[in-house]
């Protein structure tokens, strides 16, 4: 990809990734074909702030984990009430980082050509 395309992508989507992941994100984009640019810009990333709000409001029901594709933990939280609120507190603290990791894995999956489940 061209440097301008990479910079545009990072300008638009930097809030979806952790700052420590940025060098690897940039490297992944540099190694991608220019033909993939349109599909990369079409990826819908999860907003860490939105997931934080959902985690605080609906975290005891596991909604935050279901949104990240973690069905097992979502079911555990749903049926146990977040194990009496302990998992809810842990996820409320960690959900933004988990969301950024999810977004990074989604980008890496899209660039490698393998679907993310």
N, C-alpha and C. Protein backbone atom coordinates (compact mmCIF):
# COMPACT_ATOMS: atom_id res chain seq x y z
N UNK A 1 0.84 -1.19 0.00
CA UNK A 1 0.00 0.00 0.00
C UNK A 1 0.88 1.25 0.00
N UNK A 2 0.34 2.31 -0.51
CA UNK A 2 1.09 3.55 -0.52
C UNK A 2 1.09 4.17 0.88
N UNK A 3 2.05 5.00 1.11
CA UNK A 3 2.18 5.66 2.42
C UNK A 3 0.96 6.54 2.71
N UNK A 4 0.43 7.18 1.68
CA UNK A 4 -0.74 8.03 1.87
C UNK A 4 -1.96 7.21 2.28
N UNK A 5 -2.16 6.06 1.66
CA UNK A 5 -3.28 5.18 2.00
C UNK A 5 -3.15 4.69 3.44
N UNK A 6 -1.94 4.32 3.82
CA UNK A 6 -1.69 3.85 5.19
C UNK A 6 -1.98 4.95 6.19
N UNK A 7 -1.49 6.15 5.91
CA UNK A 7 -1.73 7.28 6.82
C UNK A 7 -3.22 7.61 6.93
N UNK A 8 -3.94 7.53 5.81
CA UNK A 8 -5.39 7.77 5.85
C UNK A 8 -6.09 6.73 6.72
N UNK A 9 -5.71 5.47 6.55
CA UNK A 9 -6.30 4.40 7.36
C UNK A 9 -6.04 4.64 8.85
N UNK A 10 -4.79 4.97 9.18
CA UNK A 10 -4.44 5.19 10.58
C UNK A 10 -5.13 6.42 11.15
N UNK A 11 -5.30 7.44 10.35
CA UNK A 11 -5.98 8.65 10.79
C UNK A 11 -7.44 8.36 11.13
N UNK A 12 -8.08 7.57 10.29
CA UNK A 12 -9.50 7.25 10.49
C UNK A 12 -9.70 6.23 11.60
N UNK A 13 -8.83 5.24 11.71
CA UNK A 13 -9.07 4.08 12.57
C UNK A 13 -8.15 3.95 13.77
N UNK A 14 -7.34 4.92 14.08
CA UNK A 14 -6.37 4.76 15.16
C UNK A 14 -7.01 4.54 16.53
N UNK A 15 -8.22 5.04 16.74
CA UNK A 15 -8.86 4.88 18.05
C UNK A 15 -9.28 3.44 18.32
N UNK A 16 -9.31 2.62 17.28
CA UNK A 16 -9.72 1.23 17.44
C UNK A 16 -8.57 0.30 17.83
N UNK A 17 -7.35 0.83 17.86
CA UNK A 17 -6.17 0.02 18.16
C UNK A 17 -5.38 0.63 19.31
N UNK A 18 -4.70 -0.23 20.04
CA UNK A 18 -3.82 0.23 21.11
C UNK A 18 -2.57 0.86 20.48
N UNK A 19 -2.03 1.87 21.12
CA UNK A 19 -0.86 2.55 20.57
C UNK A 19 0.33 1.60 20.44
N UNK A 20 0.43 0.61 21.32
CA UNK A 20 1.54 -0.33 21.24
C UNK A 20 1.41 -1.25 20.01
N UNK A 21 0.23 -1.33 19.43
CA UNK A 21 0.00 -2.17 18.25
C UNK A 21 0.27 -1.41 16.94
N UNK A 22 0.39 -0.10 17.01
CA UNK A 22 0.49 0.71 15.80
C UNK A 22 1.66 0.34 14.89
N UNK A 23 2.86 0.08 15.42
CA UNK A 23 3.93 -0.31 14.50
C UNK A 23 3.60 -1.59 13.72
N UNK A 24 2.97 -2.56 14.38
CA UNK A 24 2.62 -3.80 13.70
C UNK A 24 1.48 -3.57 12.71
N UNK A 25 0.52 -2.72 13.07
CA UNK A 25 -0.57 -2.38 12.14
C UNK A 25 0.02 -1.74 10.89
N UNK A 26 0.93 -0.82 11.08
CA UNK A 26 1.55 -0.13 9.94
C UNK A 26 2.34 -1.11 9.07
N UNK A 27 3.04 -2.04 9.71
CA UNK A 27 3.79 -3.05 8.96
C UNK A 27 2.86 -3.96 8.16
N UNK A 28 1.76 -4.37 8.77
CA UNK A 28 0.78 -5.19 8.06
C UNK A 28 0.23 -4.46 6.84
N UNK A 29 -0.05 -3.18 7.01
CA UNK A 29 -0.59 -2.39 5.90
C UNK A 29 0.45 -2.17 4.80
N UNK A 30 1.70 -1.98 5.18
CA UNK A 30 2.76 -1.79 4.19
C UNK A 30 2.95 -3.03 3.33
N UNK A 31 2.73 -4.20 3.92
CA UNK A 31 2.91 -5.45 3.19
C UNK A 31 1.68 -5.86 2.39
N UNK A 32 0.59 -5.13 2.53
CA UNK A 32 -0.66 -5.47 1.83
C UNK A 32 -0.64 -4.90 0.41
N UNK A 33 -1.36 -5.56 -0.47
CA UNK A 33 -1.50 -5.08 -1.84
C UNK A 33 -2.39 -3.84 -1.86
N UNK A 34 -2.13 -2.99 -2.84
CA UNK A 34 -2.96 -1.79 -3.01
C UNK A 34 -4.40 -2.18 -3.36
N UNK A 35 -4.56 -3.34 -3.99
CA UNK A 35 -5.90 -3.80 -4.37
C UNK A 35 -6.77 -4.12 -3.15
N UNK A 36 -6.15 -4.34 -2.00
CA UNK A 36 -6.90 -4.65 -0.78
C UNK A 36 -7.36 -3.40 -0.04
N UNK A 37 -6.95 -2.24 -0.48
CA UNK A 37 -7.23 -1.00 0.25
C UNK A 37 -8.71 -0.78 0.46
N UNK A 38 -9.50 -0.98 -0.58
CA UNK A 38 -10.94 -0.73 -0.45
C UNK A 38 -11.58 -1.67 0.56
N UNK A 39 -11.20 -2.93 0.54
CA UNK A 39 -11.78 -3.88 1.50
C UNK A 39 -11.30 -3.61 2.92
N UNK A 40 -10.09 -3.12 3.07
CA UNK A 40 -9.58 -2.81 4.41
C UNK A 40 -10.31 -1.61 4.99
N UNK A 41 -10.59 -0.61 4.16
CA UNK A 41 -11.34 0.55 4.64
C UNK A 41 -12.79 0.20 4.97
N UNK A 42 -13.29 -0.90 4.41
CA UNK A 42 -14.68 -1.31 4.65
C UNK A 42 -14.85 -2.13 5.93
N UNK A 43 -13.76 -2.51 6.58
CA UNK A 43 -13.86 -3.30 7.81
C UNK A 43 -14.53 -2.47 8.89
N UNK A 44 -15.51 -3.06 9.54
CA UNK A 44 -16.19 -2.37 10.64
C UNK A 44 -15.59 -2.83 11.96
N UNK A 45 -14.86 -1.94 12.59
CA UNK A 45 -14.24 -2.24 13.87
C UNK A 45 -15.19 -1.90 15.01
N UNK A 46 -14.98 -2.56 16.14
CA UNK A 46 -15.77 -2.29 17.34
C UNK A 46 -15.16 -1.08 18.05
N UNK A 47 -15.99 -0.19 18.52
CA UNK A 47 -15.53 1.00 19.24
C UNK A 47 -15.30 0.64 20.71
N UNK A 48 -14.07 0.79 21.21
CA UNK A 48 -13.78 0.45 22.60
C UNK A 48 -14.62 1.23 23.61
N UNK A 49 -14.93 2.48 23.32
CA UNK A 49 -15.74 3.28 24.25
C UNK A 49 -17.17 2.76 24.30
N UNK A 50 -17.71 2.40 23.15
CA UNK A 50 -19.06 1.83 23.11
C UNK A 50 -19.12 0.52 23.89
N UNK A 51 -18.11 -0.32 23.72
CA UNK A 51 -18.07 -1.59 24.45
C UNK A 51 -17.92 -1.36 25.94
N UNK A 52 -17.20 -0.32 26.34
CA UNK A 52 -17.08 0.00 27.76
C UNK A 52 -18.45 0.36 28.34
N UNK A 53 -19.19 1.19 27.64
CA UNK A 53 -20.54 1.56 28.11
C UNK A 53 -21.44 0.34 28.18
N UNK A 54 -21.39 -0.49 27.14
CA UNK A 54 -22.20 -1.71 27.15
C UNK A 54 -21.78 -2.63 28.28
N UNK A 55 -20.48 -2.72 28.52
CA UNK A 55 -19.98 -3.57 29.60
C UNK A 55 -20.45 -3.09 30.96
N UNK A 56 -20.45 -1.79 31.16
CA UNK A 56 -20.90 -1.24 32.44
C UNK A 56 -22.39 -1.45 32.62
N UNK A 57 -23.17 -1.22 31.57
CA UNK A 57 -24.63 -1.30 31.69
C UNK A 57 -25.17 -2.73 31.60
N UNK A 58 -24.61 -3.54 30.70
CA UNK A 58 -25.15 -4.87 30.44
C UNK A 58 -24.14 -5.99 30.64
N UNK A 59 -23.03 -5.67 31.28
CA UNK A 59 -21.95 -6.65 31.44
C UNK A 59 -22.32 -7.88 32.22
N UNK A 60 -23.21 -7.76 33.19
CA UNK A 60 -23.58 -8.94 33.98
C UNK A 60 -24.34 -9.96 33.14
N UNK A 61 -24.88 -9.52 32.00
CA UNK A 61 -25.59 -10.43 31.10
C UNK A 61 -24.69 -10.99 30.00
N UNK A 62 -23.43 -10.58 29.98
CA UNK A 62 -22.47 -11.10 29.01
C UNK A 62 -22.55 -10.50 27.63
N UNK A 63 -23.34 -9.44 27.46
CA UNK A 63 -23.53 -8.84 26.13
C UNK A 63 -22.19 -8.38 25.55
N UNK A 64 -21.33 -7.82 26.38
CA UNK A 64 -20.04 -7.34 25.91
C UNK A 64 -19.21 -8.47 25.32
N UNK A 65 -19.22 -9.61 25.97
CA UNK A 65 -18.45 -10.76 25.48
C UNK A 65 -19.06 -11.35 24.21
N UNK A 66 -20.39 -11.37 24.14
CA UNK A 66 -21.03 -11.86 22.91
C UNK A 66 -20.64 -10.97 21.73
N UNK A 67 -20.55 -9.67 21.93
CA UNK A 67 -20.19 -8.74 20.86
C UNK A 67 -18.77 -8.96 20.36
N UNK A 68 -17.90 -9.48 21.23
CA UNK A 68 -16.52 -9.75 20.84
C UNK A 68 -16.34 -11.19 20.35
N UNK A 69 -17.44 -11.92 20.24
CA UNK A 69 -17.36 -13.29 19.75
C UNK A 69 -16.95 -14.31 20.78
N UNK A 70 -16.89 -13.92 22.04
CA UNK A 70 -16.51 -14.83 23.12
C UNK A 70 -17.78 -15.42 23.73
N UNK A 71 -18.35 -16.38 23.03
CA UNK A 71 -19.65 -16.95 23.41
C UNK A 71 -19.56 -17.69 24.74
N UNK A 72 -18.49 -18.43 24.95
CA UNK A 72 -18.36 -19.20 26.19
C UNK A 72 -18.39 -18.32 27.43
N UNK A 73 -17.61 -17.26 27.43
CA UNK A 73 -17.58 -16.35 28.57
C UNK A 73 -18.89 -15.57 28.66
N UNK A 74 -19.48 -15.26 27.52
CA UNK A 74 -20.77 -14.58 27.52
C UNK A 74 -21.85 -15.42 28.18
N UNK A 75 -21.87 -16.71 27.86
CA UNK A 75 -22.84 -17.62 28.48
C UNK A 75 -22.58 -17.77 29.98
N UNK A 76 -21.30 -17.86 30.36
CA UNK A 76 -20.96 -17.97 31.78
C UNK A 76 -21.47 -16.74 32.54
N UNK A 77 -21.22 -15.57 31.99
CA UNK A 77 -21.68 -14.35 32.65
C UNK A 77 -23.20 -14.27 32.67
N UNK A 78 -23.84 -14.71 31.60
CA UNK A 78 -25.30 -14.66 31.52
C UNK A 78 -25.95 -15.56 32.57
N UNK A 79 -25.46 -16.78 32.69
CA UNK A 79 -26.10 -17.74 33.59
C UNK A 79 -25.68 -17.62 35.05
N UNK A 80 -24.58 -16.92 35.31
CA UNK A 80 -24.12 -16.78 36.70
C UNK A 80 -24.20 -15.34 37.19
N UNK A 81 -24.74 -14.45 36.37
CA UNK A 81 -24.78 -13.05 36.77
C UNK A 81 -23.40 -12.45 36.88
N UNK A 82 -22.51 -12.89 35.98
CA UNK A 82 -21.14 -12.40 36.03
C UNK A 82 -20.41 -12.92 37.26
N UNK A 83 -20.77 -14.16 37.66
CA UNK A 83 -20.25 -14.78 38.88
C UNK A 83 -20.33 -13.77 40.02
N UNK A 84 -21.58 -13.40 40.27
CA UNK A 84 -21.90 -12.47 41.37
C UNK A 84 -21.22 -11.12 41.20
N UNK A 85 -20.98 -10.71 39.97
CA UNK A 85 -20.44 -9.39 39.72
C UNK A 85 -18.93 -9.32 39.59
N UNK A 86 -18.23 -10.40 39.90
CA UNK A 86 -16.76 -10.36 39.84
C UNK A 86 -16.28 -10.22 38.40
N UNK A 87 -16.82 -11.05 37.50
CA UNK A 87 -16.42 -10.95 36.08
C UNK A 87 -16.87 -9.63 35.48
N UNK A 88 -17.99 -9.11 35.95
CA UNK A 88 -18.46 -7.82 35.46
C UNK A 88 -17.44 -6.73 35.77
N UNK A 89 -16.92 -6.73 36.98
CA UNK A 89 -15.92 -5.72 37.37
C UNK A 89 -14.64 -5.90 36.56
N UNK A 90 -14.20 -7.14 36.42
CA UNK A 90 -12.97 -7.41 35.66
C UNK A 90 -13.13 -6.95 34.22
N UNK A 91 -14.27 -7.28 33.60
CA UNK A 91 -14.48 -6.88 32.21
C UNK A 91 -14.67 -5.37 32.06
N UNK A 92 -15.29 -4.74 33.03
CA UNK A 92 -15.45 -3.28 32.96
C UNK A 92 -14.09 -2.59 32.92
N UNK A 93 -13.11 -3.19 33.59
CA UNK A 93 -11.76 -2.63 33.60
C UNK A 93 -11.00 -2.98 32.32
N UNK A 94 -11.19 -4.20 31.82
CA UNK A 94 -10.37 -4.70 30.71
C UNK A 94 -11.02 -4.67 29.33
N UNK A 95 -12.27 -4.31 29.22
CA UNK A 95 -12.99 -4.48 27.96
C UNK A 95 -12.43 -3.61 26.83
N UNK A 96 -11.93 -2.44 27.13
CA UNK A 96 -11.39 -1.60 26.06
C UNK A 96 -10.15 -2.24 25.44
N UNK A 97 -9.28 -2.80 26.26
CA UNK A 97 -8.09 -3.47 25.74
C UNK A 97 -8.48 -4.71 24.94
N UNK A 98 -9.45 -5.46 25.43
CA UNK A 98 -9.92 -6.66 24.72
C UNK A 98 -10.53 -6.27 23.37
N UNK A 99 -11.22 -5.15 23.33
CA UNK A 99 -11.82 -4.68 22.08
C UNK A 99 -10.73 -4.29 21.08
N UNK A 100 -9.70 -3.62 21.54
CA UNK A 100 -8.60 -3.23 20.65
C UNK A 100 -7.86 -4.46 20.13
N UNK A 101 -7.69 -5.48 20.97
CA UNK A 101 -7.07 -6.72 20.52
C UNK A 101 -7.96 -7.42 19.49
N UNK A 102 -9.27 -7.40 19.72
CA UNK A 102 -10.23 -7.98 18.78
C UNK A 102 -10.12 -7.27 17.42
N UNK A 103 -10.05 -5.95 17.44
CA UNK A 103 -9.93 -5.18 16.20
C UNK A 103 -8.63 -5.49 15.47
N UNK A 104 -7.54 -5.61 16.22
CA UNK A 104 -6.25 -5.94 15.62
C UNK A 104 -6.31 -7.32 14.96
N UNK A 105 -6.88 -8.28 15.66
CA UNK A 105 -7.00 -9.63 15.09
C UNK A 105 -7.91 -9.64 13.86
N UNK A 106 -8.93 -8.80 13.87
CA UNK A 106 -9.83 -8.69 12.72
C UNK A 106 -9.08 -8.13 11.51
N UNK A 107 -8.26 -7.11 11.73
CA UNK A 107 -7.46 -6.54 10.64
C UNK A 107 -6.45 -7.56 10.12
N UNK A 108 -5.75 -8.22 11.04
CA UNK A 108 -4.76 -9.21 10.64
C UNK A 108 -5.42 -10.34 9.85
N UNK A 109 -6.59 -10.76 10.29
CA UNK A 109 -7.33 -11.81 9.59
C UNK A 109 -7.73 -11.36 8.19
N UNK A 110 -8.19 -10.13 8.05
CA UNK A 110 -8.59 -9.61 6.74
C UNK A 110 -7.40 -9.52 5.80
N UNK A 111 -6.25 -9.14 6.32
CA UNK A 111 -5.06 -9.00 5.48
C UNK A 111 -4.47 -10.35 5.11
N UNK A 112 -4.67 -11.35 5.95
CA UNK A 112 -4.12 -12.67 5.64
C UNK A 112 -5.04 -13.47 4.73
N UNK A 113 -6.29 -13.01 4.60
CA UNK A 113 -7.24 -13.70 3.75
C UNK A 113 -8.02 -14.80 4.43
N UNK A 114 -7.79 -14.98 5.72
CA UNK A 114 -8.53 -16.00 6.46
C UNK A 114 -9.61 -15.32 7.30
N UNK A 115 -10.84 -15.83 7.24
CA UNK A 115 -11.92 -15.20 8.02
C UNK A 115 -11.71 -15.37 9.51
N UNK A 116 -12.17 -14.39 10.27
CA UNK A 116 -12.07 -14.45 11.72
C UNK A 116 -13.38 -14.95 12.29
N UNK A 117 -13.28 -15.89 13.19
CA UNK A 117 -14.50 -16.43 13.81
C UNK A 117 -14.61 -15.97 15.23
